[in-house]
C-alpha atoms as a PDB file:
ATOM      1  CA  MET A   1      -1.586 -59.989 -16.317  1.00  0.00           C
ATOM      2  CA  ARG A   2      -0.300 -58.379 -13.193  1.00  0.00           C
ATOM      3  CA  LEU A   3       3.119 -57.743 -14.975  1.00  0.00           C
ATOM      4  CA  MET A   4       1.337 -55.895 -17.816  1.00  0.00           C
ATOM      5  CA  ILE A   5      -0.631 -53.766 -15.153  1.00  0.00           C
ATOM      6  CA  ASP A   6       2.745 -52.992 -13.227  1.00  0.00           C
ATOM      7  CA  THR A   7       4.571 -52.089 -16.664  1.00  0.00           C
ATOM      8  CA  MET A   8       1.643 -49.630 -17.482  1.00  0.00           C
ATOM      9  CA  ILE A   9       1.823 -47.999 -14.220  1.00  0.00           C
ATOM     10  CA  ALA A  10       5.535 -47.737 -14.256  1.00  0.00           C
ATOM     11  CA  LEU A  11       5.300 -46.094 -17.757  1.00  0.00           C
ATOM     12  CA  MET A  12       2.596 -43.700 -16.699  1.00  0.00           C
ATOM     13  CA  LEU A  13       4.614 -42.468 -13.688  1.00  0.00           C
ATOM     14  CA  THR A  14       7.715 -42.196 -16.073  1.00  0.00           C
ATOM     15  CA  GLY A  15       5.412 -40.128 -18.210  1.00  0.00           C
ATOM     16  CA  VAL A  16       4.120 -37.908 -15.342  1.00  0.00           C
ATOM     17  CA  ILE A  17       7.759 -37.362 -14.217  1.00  0.00           C
ATOM     18  CA  ALA A  18       8.976 -36.537 -17.721  1.00  0.00           C
ATOM     19  CA  GLY A  19       6.159 -34.144 -18.147  1.00  0.00           C
ATOM     20  CA  GLY A  20       6.756 -32.502 -14.862  1.00  0.00           C
ATOM     21  CA  LEU A  21      10.436 -32.088 -15.581  1.00  0.00           C
ATOM     22  CA  PHE A  22       9.831 -30.502 -18.976  1.00  0.00           C
ATOM     23  CA  MET A  23       7.457 -28.217 -17.748  1.00  0.00           C
ATOM     24  CA  HIS A  24       9.859 -27.146 -14.949  1.00  0.00           C
ATOM     25  CA  ARG A  25      12.454 -26.640 -17.705  1.00  0.00           C
ATOM     26  CA  GLN A  26      10.161 -24.601 -19.684  1.00  0.00           C
ATOM     27  CA  ARG A  27       9.451 -22.379 -16.752  1.00  0.00           C
ATOM     28  CA  ALA A  28      12.996 -21.932 -15.986  1.00  0.00           C
ATOM     29  CA  THR A  29      13.870 -21.128 -19.490  1.00  0.00           C
ATOM     30  CA  ALA A  30      11.208 -18.481 -19.552  1.00  0.00           C
ATOM     31  CA  VAL A  31      12.408 -16.740 -16.247  1.00  0.00           C
ATOM     32  CA  ASP A  32      15.953 -16.854 -17.774  1.00  0.00           C
ATOM     33  CA  GLN A  33      14.997 -15.161 -20.963  1.00  0.00           C
ATOM     34  CA  LEU A  34      12.984 -12.464 -18.885  1.00  0.00           C
ATOM     35  CA  GLN A  35      15.945 -11.849 -16.790  1.00  0.00           C
ATOM     36  CA  GLN A  36      18.373 -11.536 -19.915  1.00  0.00           C
ATOM     37  CA  VAL A  37      15.975  -9.175 -21.533  1.00  0.00           C
ATOM     38  CA  ARG A  38      15.508  -7.007 -18.568  1.00  0.00           C
ATOM     39  CA  ALA A  39      19.218  -6.864 -18.061  1.00  0.00           C
ATOM     40  CA  ALA A  40      19.916  -5.918 -21.736  1.00  0.00           C
ATOM     41  CA  LEU A  41      17.289  -2.989 -21.415  1.00  0.00           C
ATOM     42  CA  ALA A  42      19.071  -1.857 -18.175  1.00  0.00           C
ATOM     43  CA  THR A  43      22.618  -1.974 -19.941  1.00  0.00           C
ATOM     44  CA  LEU A  44      21.194  -0.023 -23.071  1.00  0.00           C
ATOM     45  CA  HIS A  45      19.803   2.655 -20.736  1.00  0.00           C
ATOM     46  CA  GLU A  46      23.161   2.884 -18.573  1.00  0.00           C
ATOM     47  CA  LYS A  47      25.129   2.993 -21.854  1.00  0.00           C
ATOM     48  CA  ALA A  48      23.096   5.669 -23.275  1.00  0.00           C
ATOM     49  CA  GLU A  49      22.942   7.825 -20.236  1.00  0.00           C
ATOM     50  CA  TYR A  50      26.845   7.405 -19.614  1.00  0.00           C
ATOM     51  CA  HIS A  51      27.617   8.476 -23.286  1.00  0.00           C
ATOM     52  CA  ARG A  52      25.263  11.444 -23.060  1.00  0.00           C
ATOM     53  CA  THR A  53      26.670  12.470 -19.741  1.00  0.00           C
ATOM     54  CA  MET A  54      30.178  12.205 -21.117  1.00  0.00           C
ATOM     55  CA  ALA A  55      29.175  14.179 -24.359  1.00  0.00           C
ATOM     56  CA  GLN A  56      27.758  16.982 -22.016  1.00  0.00           C
ATOM     57  CA  LEU A  57      30.882  17.235 -20.085  1.00  0.00           C
ATOM     58  CA  GLU A  58      33.114  17.471 -23.180  1.00  0.00           C
ATOM     59  CA  GLN A  59      30.571  19.870 -24.858  1.00  0.00           C
ATOM     60  CA  THR A  60      31.360  18.192 -28.318  1.00  0.00           C
ATOM     61  CA  LEU A  61      27.778  17.639 -29.200  1.00  0.00           C
ATOM     62  CA  ASP A  62      24.549  19.376 -29.028  1.00  0.00           C
ATOM     63  CA  MET A  63      21.277  17.897 -27.183  1.00  0.00           C
ATOM     64  CA  ALA A  64      19.528  17.016 -30.401  1.00  0.00           C
ATOM     65  CA  VAL A  65      22.613  14.808 -31.728  1.00  0.00           C
ATOM     66  CA  GLU A  66      23.272  13.460 -28.188  1.00  0.00           C
ATOM     67  CA  ALA A  67      19.854  11.801 -27.864  1.00  0.00           C
ATOM     68  CA  GLN A  68      20.494   9.517 -30.755  1.00  0.00           C
ATOM     69  CA  ASP A  69      23.865   8.376 -29.898  1.00  0.00           C
ATOM     70  CA  ILE A  70      23.371   4.710 -29.692  1.00  0.00           C
ATOM     71  CA  SER A  71      26.129   2.431 -31.154  1.00  0.00           C
ATOM     72  CA  PRO A  72      26.752  -1.342 -31.117  1.00  0.00           C
ATOM     73  CA  GLN A  73      30.220  -0.725 -30.908  1.00  0.00           C
ATOM     74  CA  TRP A  74      29.901   0.596 -26.979  1.00  0.00           C
ATOM     75  CA  PHE A  75      29.144  -3.041 -26.425  1.00  0.00           C
ATOM     76  CA  GLN A  76      32.038  -4.793 -28.168  1.00  0.00           C
ATOM     77  CA  ASP A  77      31.285  -8.550 -27.852  1.00  0.00           C
ATOM     78  CA  ASP A  78      28.353  -8.167 -25.212  1.00  0.00           C
ATOM     79  CA  LEU A  79      25.779  -6.741 -27.354  1.00  0.00           C
ATOM     80  CA  PRO A  80      22.509  -6.552 -25.457  1.00  0.00           C
ATOM     81  CA  ILE A  81      19.978  -8.901 -27.164  1.00  0.00           C
ATOM     82  CA  ASN A  82      16.215  -9.504 -26.901  1.00  0.00           C
ATOM     83  CA  THR A  83      15.971 -13.029 -26.594  1.00  0.00           C
ATOM     84  CA  PHE A  84      12.291 -12.932 -27.067  1.00  0.00           C
ATOM     85  CA  ALA A  85      12.942 -11.854 -30.679  1.00  0.00           C
ATOM     86  CA  PRO A  86      13.620 -14.004 -33.708  1.00  0.00           C
ATOM     87  CA  LEU A  87      17.355 -14.088 -34.505  1.00  0.00           C
ATOM     88  CA  ASP A  88      17.207 -12.609 -37.946  1.00  0.00           C
ATOM     89  CA  CYS A  89      15.245  -9.439 -36.867  1.00  0.00           C
ATOM     90  CA  PRO A  90      16.948  -6.064 -36.660  1.00  0.00           C
ATOM     91  CA  TRP A  91      18.389  -5.115 -33.369  1.00  0.00           C
ATOM     92  CA  LEU A  92      17.237  -1.621 -32.822  1.00  0.00           C
ATOM     93  CA  ASP A  93      15.172   1.134 -34.040  1.00  0.00           C
ATOM     94  CA  LEU A  94      14.164   4.531 -32.957  1.00  0.00           C
ATOM     95  CA  ALA A  95      11.273   6.665 -32.421  1.00  0.00           C
ATOM     96  CA  PRO A  96      11.143   9.618 -34.935  1.00  0.00           C
ATOM     97  CA  GLU A  97      11.765  13.185 -34.045  1.00  0.00           C
ATOM     98  CA  GLY A  98       8.801  14.759 -31.941  1.00  0.00           C
ATOM     99  CA  ASP A  99       7.580  11.396 -30.682  1.00  0.00           C
ATOM    100  CA  VAL A 100       7.395  11.499 -26.812  1.00  0.00           C
ATOM    101  CA  SER A 101       5.510   8.201 -26.432  1.00  0.00           C
ATOM    102  CA  GLY A 102       6.681   5.709 -23.766  1.00  0.00           C
ATOM    103  CA  HIS A 103       6.132   2.705 -26.133  1.00  0.00           C
ATOM    104  CA  PRO A 104       6.452   1.797 -29.670  1.00  0.00           C
ATOM    105  CA  PRO A 105       3.565   2.106 -32.137  1.00  0.00           C
ATOM    106  CA  ASP A 106       4.159  -1.660 -32.885  1.00  0.00           C
ATOM    107  CA  PRO A 107       5.049  -3.397 -29.675  1.00  0.00           C
ATOM    108  CA  VAL A 108       4.417  -6.923 -31.147  1.00  0.00           C
ATOM    109  CA  LEU A 109       6.719  -8.681 -33.462  1.00  0.00           C
ATOM    110  CA  VAL A 110       4.566  -9.708 -36.439  1.00  0.00           C
ATOM    111  CA  ARG A 111       6.936  -8.449 -39.475  1.00  0.00           C
ATOM    112  CA  ASP A 112      10.312  -9.344 -40.413  1.00  0.00           C
ATOM    113  CA  ASP A 113      11.364  -5.495 -40.445  1.00  0.00           C
ATOM    114  CA  GLN A 114      10.712  -4.797 -36.812  1.00  0.00           C
ATOM    115  CA  ALA A 115      13.585  -4.460 -34.378  1.00  0.00           C
ATOM    116  CA  GLY A 116      13.833  -6.548 -31.284  1.00  0.00           C
ATOM    117  CA  PHE A 117      14.479  -3.206 -29.366  1.00  0.00           C
ATOM    118  CA  TRP A 118      12.870   0.231 -29.596  1.00  0.00           C
ATOM    119  CA  TYR A 119      14.569   3.275 -28.408  1.00  0.00           C
ATOM    120  CA  ASN A 120      12.928   6.734 -28.045  1.00  0.00           C
ATOM    121  CA  PRO A 121      15.843   9.275 -28.176  1.00  0.00           C
ATOM    122  CA  ASN A 122      13.259  12.059 -27.148  1.00  0.00           C
ATOM    123  CA  THR A 123      12.611  10.534 -23.776  1.00  0.00           C
ATOM    124  CA  GLY A 124      15.479   8.201 -23.263  1.00  0.00           C
ATOM    125  CA  VAL A 125      13.158   5.071 -23.036  1.00  0.00           C
ATOM    126  CA  PHE A 126      14.105   1.502 -24.351  1.00  0.00           C
ATOM    127  CA  ARG A 127      11.398  -1.174 -24.880  1.00  0.00           C
ATOM    128  CA  ALA A 128      11.704  -4.776 -25.887  1.00  0.00           C
ATOM    129  CA  ARG A 129       9.094  -6.000 -28.397  1.00  0.00           C
ATOM    130  CA  VAL A 130       7.580  -9.395 -28.010  1.00  0.00           C
ATOM    131  CA  LEU A 131       6.170 -12.219 -30.415  1.00  0.00           C
ATOM    132  CA  PRO A 132       2.589 -13.040 -30.072  1.00  0.00           C
ATOM    133  CA  GLN A 133       1.594 -15.564 -27.406  1.00  0.00           C
ATOM    134  CA  TYR A 134      -1.444 -17.879 -27.256  1.00  0.00           C
ATOM    135  CA  SER A 135      -3.821 -14.969 -26.287  1.00  0.00           C
ATOM    136  CA  GLU A 136      -3.822 -11.361 -26.528  1.00  0.00           C
ATOM    137  CA  ALA A 137      -3.884 -11.060 -22.780  1.00  0.00           C
ATOM    138  CA  ALA A 138      -0.886 -13.249 -22.588  1.00  0.00           C
ATOM    139  CA  THR A 139       0.910 -11.204 -25.038  1.00  0.00           C
ATOM    140  CA  VAL A 140       0.056  -8.001 -23.071  1.00  0.00           C
ATOM    141  CA  ASP A 141       1.435  -9.785 -19.888  1.00  0.00           C
ATOM    142  CA  LEU A 142       4.611 -10.751 -21.302  1.00  0.00           C
ATOM    143  CA  TYR A 143       5.273  -7.273 -22.623  1.00  0.00           C
ATOM    144  CA  ASN A 144       4.519  -5.887 -19.316  1.00  0.00           C
ATOM    145  CA  ARG A 145       6.740  -8.153 -17.415  1.00  0.00           C
ATOM    146  CA  VAL A 146       9.673  -7.800 -19.980  1.00  0.00           C
ATOM    147  CA  ASN A 147       9.404  -3.939 -19.856  1.00  0.00           C
ATOM    148  CA  ALA A 148       8.284  -3.426 -16.387  1.00  0.00           C
ATOM    149  CA  ALA A 149       5.133  -1.809 -17.823  1.00  0.00           C
ATOM    150  CA  ALA A 150       1.700  -1.500 -16.971  1.00  0.00           C
ATOM    151  CA  VAL A 151      -0.318  -1.401 -20.267  1.00  0.00           C
ATOM    152  CA  THR A 152      -3.761  -2.633 -20.853  1.00  0.00           C
ATOM    153  CA  SER A 153      -3.518  -3.437 -24.661  1.00  0.00           C
ATOM    154  CA  LEU A 154      -0.908  -3.409 -27.544  1.00  0.00           C
ATOM    155  CA  ALA A 155      -2.850  -2.010 -30.199  1.00  0.00           C
ATOM    156  CA  TYR A 156      -0.792  -0.956 -33.370  1.00  0.00           C
ATOM    157  CA  ASP A 157      -0.646   2.785 -34.079  1.00  0.00           C
ATOM    158  CA  ASP A 158      -0.644   3.488 -37.701  1.00  0.00           C
ATOM    159  CA  ASN A 159       0.181   7.123 -37.292  1.00  0.00           C
ATOM    160  CA  PRO A 160       2.934   7.901 -39.928  1.00  0.00           C
ATOM    161  CA  HIS A 161       4.490  10.362 -37.510  1.00  0.00           C
ATOM    162  CA  ARG A 162       5.073   7.697 -35.135  1.00  0.00           C
ATOM    163  CA  GLN A 163       6.452   5.051 -37.279  1.00  0.00           C
ATOM    164  CA  PRO A 164      10.251   3.941 -36.243  1.00  0.00           C
ATOM    165  CA  VAL A 165      13.120   4.701 -38.334  1.00  0.00           C
ATOM    166  CA  SER A 166      16.240   2.584 -38.515  1.00  0.00           C
ATOM    167  CA  TYR A 167      20.038   2.490 -38.033  1.00  0.00           C
ATOM    168  CA  LEU A 168      21.967   2.138 -41.290  1.00  0.00           C
ATOM    169  CA  SER A 169      23.651  -0.939 -41.160  1.00  0.00           C
ATOM    170  CA  THR A 170      26.685   0.412 -43.353  1.00  0.00           C
ATOM    171  CA  ALA A 171      27.575   2.641 -40.556  1.00  0.00           C
ATOM    172  CA  ILE A 172      28.619  -0.440 -38.451  1.00  0.00           C
ATOM    173  CA  ALA A 173      30.601  -1.782 -41.373  1.00  0.00           C
ATOM    174  CA  THR A 174      32.558   1.351 -41.928  1.00  0.00           C
ATOM    175  CA  ALA A 175      32.952   2.847 -38.416  1.00  0.00           C
ATOM    176  CA  SER A 176      36.666   2.875 -37.649  1.00  0.00           C
ATOM    177  CA  ASP A 177      36.377   4.604 -34.372  1.00  0.00           C
ATOM    178  CA  PRO A 178      34.809   1.958 -31.799  1.00  0.00           C
ATOM    179  CA  SER A 179      33.538   4.919 -29.629  1.00  0.00           C
ATOM    180  CA  ALA A 180      31.798   6.746 -32.555  1.00  0.00           C
ATOM    181  CA  PRO A 181      27.933   6.773 -32.505  1.00  0.00           C
ATOM    182  CA  LEU A 182      26.098   4.949 -35.185  1.00  0.00           C
ATOM    183  CA  ALA A 183      24.287   7.606 -37.322  1.00  0.00           C
ATOM    184  CA  ALA A 184      20.393   7.514 -37.440  1.00  0.00           C
ATOM    185  CA  PRO A 185      18.642   8.406 -40.815  1.00  0.00           C
ATOM    186  CA  GLN A 186      16.054  10.968 -40.649  1.00  0.00           C
ATOM    187  CA  SER A 187      12.518   9.889 -40.567  1.00  0.00           C
ATOM    188  CA  ASP A 188      10.702   9.939 -44.025  1.00  0.00           C
ATOM    189  CA  GLY A 189       7.348   8.564 -42.764  1.00  0.00           C
ATOM    190  CA  MET A 190       8.210   5.162 -43.548  1.00  0.00           C
ATOM    191  CA  SER A 191       8.419   2.434 -40.800  1.00  0.00           C
ATOM    192  CA  VAL A 192      11.748   0.952 -41.873  1.00  0.00           C
ATOM    193  CA  LEU A 193      14.860   1.337 -44.004  1.00  0.00           C
ATOM    194  CA  PRO A 194      16.525  -1.603 -45.912  1.00  0.00           C
ATOM    195  CA  GLY A 195      20.019  -2.865 -44.704  1.00  0.00           C
ATOM    196  CA  ARG A 196      19.350  -2.913 -40.883  1.00  0.00           C
ATOM    197  CA  PRO A 197      21.575  -5.013 -38.701  1.00  0.00           C
ATOM    198  CA  SER A 198      20.057  -7.981 -37.448  1.00  0.00           C
ATOM    199  CA  LEU A 199      20.683 -10.060 -34.319  1.00  0.00           C
ATOM    200  CA  LEU A 200      22.538 -12.657 -36.533  1.00  0.00           C
ATOM    201  CA  SER A 201      25.199  -9.763 -37.169  1.00  0.00           C
ATOM    202  CA  ARG A 202      25.715  -9.204 -33.489  1.00  0.00           C
ATOM    203  CA  PRO A 203      29.515  -9.961 -32.615  1.00  0.00           C
ATOM    204  CA  PRO A 204      30.212 -13.566 -31.462  1.00  0.00           C
ATOM    205  CA  ARG A 205      30.197 -14.184 -27.546  1.00  0.00           C
END
């Protein structure tokens, strides 16, 4: 009897320790993901600013075109990735012309056609979308922590003039100049265009 009780106590202690280690690893993974996405956003911003500055110095592009110069080719084999987004979602989409909002109209990833990152070329702002969490408050909290933001809600904005537009994936496949920007299509009021590059199409690390 004593042996059975000691065995049960040992098993319970083992379970508690294993659970503690699991929770610790989960928290460490979440912190690591957060740091990775914040670093990715910083890299996107730095690259965009660098290429915009270079274009201004060379006086080869006007301001309207410069603002949409974002290319996966800039990053070679180290493409910034939103690790909170599904692997098969598109990489990046754009705010349409005239949109000066600081956040996407659809910041929560609930559709397959939403990109991991959103970029507003009119303001130079990048944002990372997030998946729904166990509660609305937790989703807002994660979005704020990832994007260093302070929004109080993540309501979807169905204004057709705010719906994101996408890059054409064919531009990646056909680009012969690694420094050439990836062309962005004109907004037609639709939220997405077919054939967008996904996170799975990123260069291997």
